[in-house]
Amino acid sequence: MKYLFTLLFLIPFTVSAQFSKGTVAIGGNVSYTSILQDSDISDMPSAKYLTINPSVGMFVSPSFSLGAFVQIYSTKVPTINPYTNLFEEGKVVSSIYGIFARKYFPLSDKFLISINGRVGVGSKVTDGDSENKTNQFTASLSPVFTFLPHEKWGFEASFAHLRYETNSPGSYYSNSDDFSVSLGGLGFGVNYYIGRKAE
């Protein structure tokens, strides 16, 4: 672990910056997962998870950017109705709007690592019932690797996060606070850079 911190602090002084001030990054990521929960039940639908996460940011210095993001998360999970003995799909849609700050550390001319901090608020609705709305707050910190094959394009991969989330629907029994640390679950994204001039 101490070698990672040494790397993060020394590299910025040994490699030139990759972006010019004023560069705009437009991008985000999309992920879709379909999971069959019980393969022994032939007519059981799979659980579906979809996340759409667009963002736009601006570099206020060659190695630091600020921006805004939207996160749309949709899940469809089948449950069995004990009265009809049939499967029913429960749907949850979450919309979060927020801001982010990212600090970049160049590893080479084509590769960078960054620390991405995000804060957002929003709500989620279960089964389309607006009266069953949950208010959400989320804050996260995560490392991101960026590959720059072209002056205008960047491909990103994230593999871990430190996250805190609250859900407050107004019901004492339904309120929740969730703090999580993850070292798994790869995420991939792409950015298009406007006005970038590598220095």
Protein backbone atom coordinates (compact mmCIF):
# COMPACT_ATOMS: atom_id res chain seq x y z
CA MET A 1 0.00 0.00 0.00
CA LYS A 2 2.83 2.42 0.81
CA TYR A 3 4.20 1.94 -2.72
CA LEU A 4 0.85 3.05 -4.20
CA PHE A 5 0.94 6.29 -2.20
CA THR A 6 4.55 6.89 -3.21
CA LEU A 7 3.60 6.35 -6.84
CA LEU A 8 0.65 8.75 -6.63
CA PHE A 9 2.71 11.54 -5.08
CA LEU A 10 5.92 11.22 -7.13
CA ILE A 11 4.55 10.64 -10.62
CA PRO A 12 2.96 14.11 -11.02
CA PHE A 13 6.44 15.62 -10.70
CA THR A 14 8.07 13.31 -13.24
CA VAL A 15 5.52 13.23 -16.09
CA SER A 16 4.08 16.22 -17.95
CA ALA A 17 0.38 17.12 -17.75
CA GLN A 18 -2.04 15.52 -20.22
CA PHE A 19 -4.72 18.20 -20.50
CA SER A 20 -4.87 21.94 -20.99
CA LYS A 21 -6.97 24.23 -18.84
CA GLY A 22 -10.45 24.65 -20.31
CA THR A 23 -10.65 21.16 -21.88
CA VAL A 24 -14.23 19.83 -21.74
CA ALA A 25 -14.83 16.08 -21.24
CA ILE A 26 -18.19 14.63 -22.30
CA GLY A 27 -18.76 10.99 -21.53
CA GLY A 28 -20.05 8.38 -19.16
CA ASN A 29 -20.84 4.70 -19.08
CA VAL A 30 -23.68 2.22 -19.55
CA SER A 31 -23.90 -1.19 -17.90
CA TYR A 32 -26.48 -3.97 -18.20
CA THR A 33 -26.64 -7.22 -16.25
CA SER A 34 -29.09 -10.10 -16.50
CA ILE A 35 -28.93 -12.75 -13.76
CA LEU A 36 -30.90 -15.99 -13.61
CA GLN A 37 -31.42 -16.49 -9.89
CA ASP A 38 -32.48 -20.17 -9.98
CA SER A 39 -31.63 -22.25 -13.06
CA ASP A 40 -33.76 -25.15 -11.74
CA ILE A 41 -36.97 -23.17 -12.28
CA SER A 42 -37.39 -23.03 -16.07
CA ASP A 43 -40.09 -20.36 -16.19
CA MET A 44 -38.42 -17.99 -13.70
CA PRO A 45 -37.53 -14.64 -15.36
CA SER A 46 -34.02 -13.28 -14.92
CA ALA A 47 -33.27 -10.25 -12.76
CA LYS A 48 -32.22 -7.25 -14.89
CA TYR A 49 -30.04 -4.32 -13.86
CA LEU A 50 -29.40 -1.26 -16.05
CA THR A 51 -27.26 1.78 -15.21
CA ILE A 52 -26.83 4.87 -17.43
CA ASN A 53 -24.31 7.42 -16.17
CA PRO A 54 -23.60 10.45 -18.45
CA SER A 55 -21.30 13.24 -17.28
CA VAL A 56 -19.70 16.49 -18.43
CA GLY A 57 -16.65 18.09 -16.87
CA MET A 58 -14.15 20.90 -17.40
CA PHE A 59 -10.46 21.00 -16.54
CA VAL A 60 -9.78 23.97 -14.28
CA SER A 61 -6.09 23.02 -14.33
CA PRO A 62 -4.09 20.49 -16.41
CA SER A 63 -4.65 17.77 -13.80
CA PHE A 64 -7.93 18.70 -12.07
CA SER A 65 -11.50 18.73 -13.39
CA LEU A 66 -14.94 19.64 -12.06
CA GLY A 67 -18.27 18.62 -13.51
CA ALA A 68 -21.79 17.27 -13.21
CA PHE A 69 -23.30 13.82 -13.67
CA VAL A 70 -26.63 12.03 -13.89
CA GLN A 71 -27.09 8.43 -12.77
CA ILE A 72 -30.15 6.49 -13.88
CA TYR A 73 -30.47 3.04 -12.31
CA SER A 74 -33.24 0.57 -13.12
CA THR A 75 -33.83 -2.91 -11.71
CA LYS A 76 -36.41 -5.56 -12.51
CA VAL A 77 -36.38 -8.45 -10.04
CA PRO A 78 -38.90 -11.32 -10.20
CA THR A 79 -40.71 -12.45 -7.06
CA ILE A 80 -43.36 -15.12 -6.70
CA ASN A 81 -46.85 -14.11 -5.66
CA PRO A 82 -47.95 -16.53 -2.90
CA TYR A 83 -51.64 -16.08 -3.82
CA THR A 84 -51.41 -16.69 -7.58
CA ASN A 85 -48.19 -18.77 -7.54
CA LEU A 86 -47.02 -16.71 -10.52
CA PHE A 87 -43.89 -14.61 -10.98
CA GLU A 88 -44.25 -10.85 -10.79
CA GLU A 89 -41.58 -8.31 -11.73
CA GLY A 90 -40.83 -5.63 -9.16
CA LYS A 91 -39.33 -2.54 -10.80
CA VAL A 92 -37.26 0.16 -9.10
CA VAL A 93 -36.03 3.28 -10.93
CA SER A 94 -33.49 5.61 -9.31
CA SER A 95 -32.41 9.04 -10.61
CA ILE A 96 -29.47 10.84 -9.01
CA TYR A 97 -28.05 14.24 -10.02
CA GLY A 98 -24.77 15.52 -8.69
CA ILE A 99 -21.33 17.03 -9.05
CA PHE A 100 -17.85 15.51 -9.14
CA ALA A 101 -14.21 16.50 -8.76
CA ARG A 102 -11.34 14.50 -10.20
CA LYS A 103 -7.58 14.70 -9.68
CA TYR A 104 -5.38 13.09 -12.38
CA PHE A 105 -1.93 11.56 -11.95
CA PRO A 106 -0.15 10.70 -15.25
CA LEU A 107 1.52 7.30 -15.44
CA SER A 108 2.77 7.77 -19.03
CA ASP A 109 1.83 9.66 -22.19
CA LYS A 110 -1.16 7.36 -22.73
CA PHE A 111 -2.14 6.17 -19.26
CA LEU A 112 -3.39 8.06 -16.20
CA ILE A 113 -4.85 7.22 -12.82
CA SER A 114 -7.30 9.56 -11.11
CA ILE A 115 -9.21 9.88 -7.86
CA ASN A 116 -12.87 10.65 -8.53
CA GLY A 117 -15.10 12.12 -5.81
CA ARG A 118 -18.86 12.42 -6.35
CA VAL A 119 -21.81 13.79 -4.38
CA GLY A 120 -25.40 13.47 -5.56
CA VAL A 121 -29.05 13.64 -4.52
CA GLY A 122 -32.13 12.14 -6.07
CA SER A 123 -34.95 9.71 -5.55
CA LYS A 124 -36.13 6.23 -6.41
CA VAL A 125 -39.62 4.95 -7.17
CA THR A 126 -40.87 1.39 -6.74
CA ASP A 127 -43.32 -0.10 -9.26
CA GLY A 128 -44.13 3.33 -10.73
CA ASP A 129 -45.91 4.42 -7.55
CA SER A 130 -45.01 8.09 -6.99
CA GLU A 131 -46.35 7.87 -3.44
CA ASN A 132 -43.74 5.19 -2.77
CA LYS A 133 -40.82 7.56 -3.39
CA THR A 134 -37.50 7.36 -1.54
CA ASN A 135 -35.17 10.37 -1.25
CA GLN A 136 -31.52 9.52 -1.75
CA PHE A 137 -28.13 11.03 -0.95
CA THR A 138 -24.88 9.47 -2.10
CA ALA A 139 -21.18 10.30 -1.79
CA SER A 140 -18.35 8.21 -3.21
CA LEU A 141 -14.62 8.12 -3.81
CA SER A 142 -13.05 5.83 -6.41
CA PRO A 143 -9.85 5.31 -8.43
CA VAL A 144 -10.15 5.40 -12.23
CA PHE A 145 -7.65 4.32 -14.89
CA THR A 146 -7.71 6.24 -18.19
CA PHE A 147 -6.21 5.18 -21.54
CA LEU A 148 -5.72 7.92 -24.18
CA PRO A 149 -5.34 6.30 -27.63
CA HIS A 150 -6.25 9.56 -29.39
CA GLU A 151 -6.22 13.28 -28.59
CA LYS A 152 -10.05 13.37 -28.60
CA TRP A 153 -10.88 10.05 -26.89
CA GLY A 154 -10.28 8.43 -23.53
CA PHE A 155 -11.33 5.00 -22.28
CA GLU A 156 -11.78 4.44 -18.57
CA ALA A 157 -11.91 1.52 -16.15
CA SER A 158 -12.82 1.57 -12.46
CA PHE A 159 -12.48 -1.35 -10.10
CA ALA A 160 -13.24 -0.14 -6.56
CA HIS A 161 -15.16 2.43 -4.55
CA LEU A 162 -15.72 3.87 -1.11
CA ARG A 163 -19.40 4.90 -0.87
CA TYR A 164 -21.95 6.24 1.58
CA GLU A 165 -25.67 6.30 0.76
CA THR A 166 -28.81 7.28 2.66
CA ASN A 167 -32.43 6.50 1.81
CA SER A 168 -35.14 8.46 3.60
CA PRO A 169 -38.70 7.80 2.44
CA GLY A 170 -40.15 9.40 5.55
CA SER A 171 -40.99 6.10 7.18
CA TYR A 172 -38.97 5.40 10.34
CA TYR A 173 -38.84 1.69 9.54
CA SER A 174 -37.68 2.22 5.95
CA ASN A 175 -34.89 4.74 6.48
CA SER A 176 -31.43 3.34 5.78
CA ASP A 177 -27.77 4.34 5.89
CA ASP A 178 -25.34 2.28 3.86
CA PHE A 179 -21.56 2.52 3.94
CA SER A 180 -19.72 0.22 1.54
CA VAL A 181 -16.20 -0.53 0.38
CA SER A 182 -15.75 -2.54 -2.80
CA LEU A 183 -12.60 -3.92 -4.42
CA GLY A 184 -14.41 -5.71 -7.23
CA GLY A 185 -16.88 -5.04 -10.00
CA LEU A 186 -15.23 -3.55 -13.08
CA GLY A 187 -16.82 -0.52 -14.71
CA PHE A 188 -15.95 0.84 -18.15
CA GLY A 189 -16.58 4.26 -19.69
CA VAL A 190 -15.58 6.56 -22.52
CA ASN A 191 -14.90 10.31 -22.75
CA TYR A 192 -14.77 12.70 -25.70
CA TYR A 193 -12.50 15.72 -25.15
CA ILE A 194 -13.24 19.15 -26.62
CA GLY A 195 -10.39 21.66 -26.79
CA ARG A 196 -7.78 19.28 -25.46
CA LYS A 197 -4.15 20.22 -26.11
CA ALA A 198 -1.74 17.78 -24.51
CA GLU A 199 1.12 19.65 -22.88
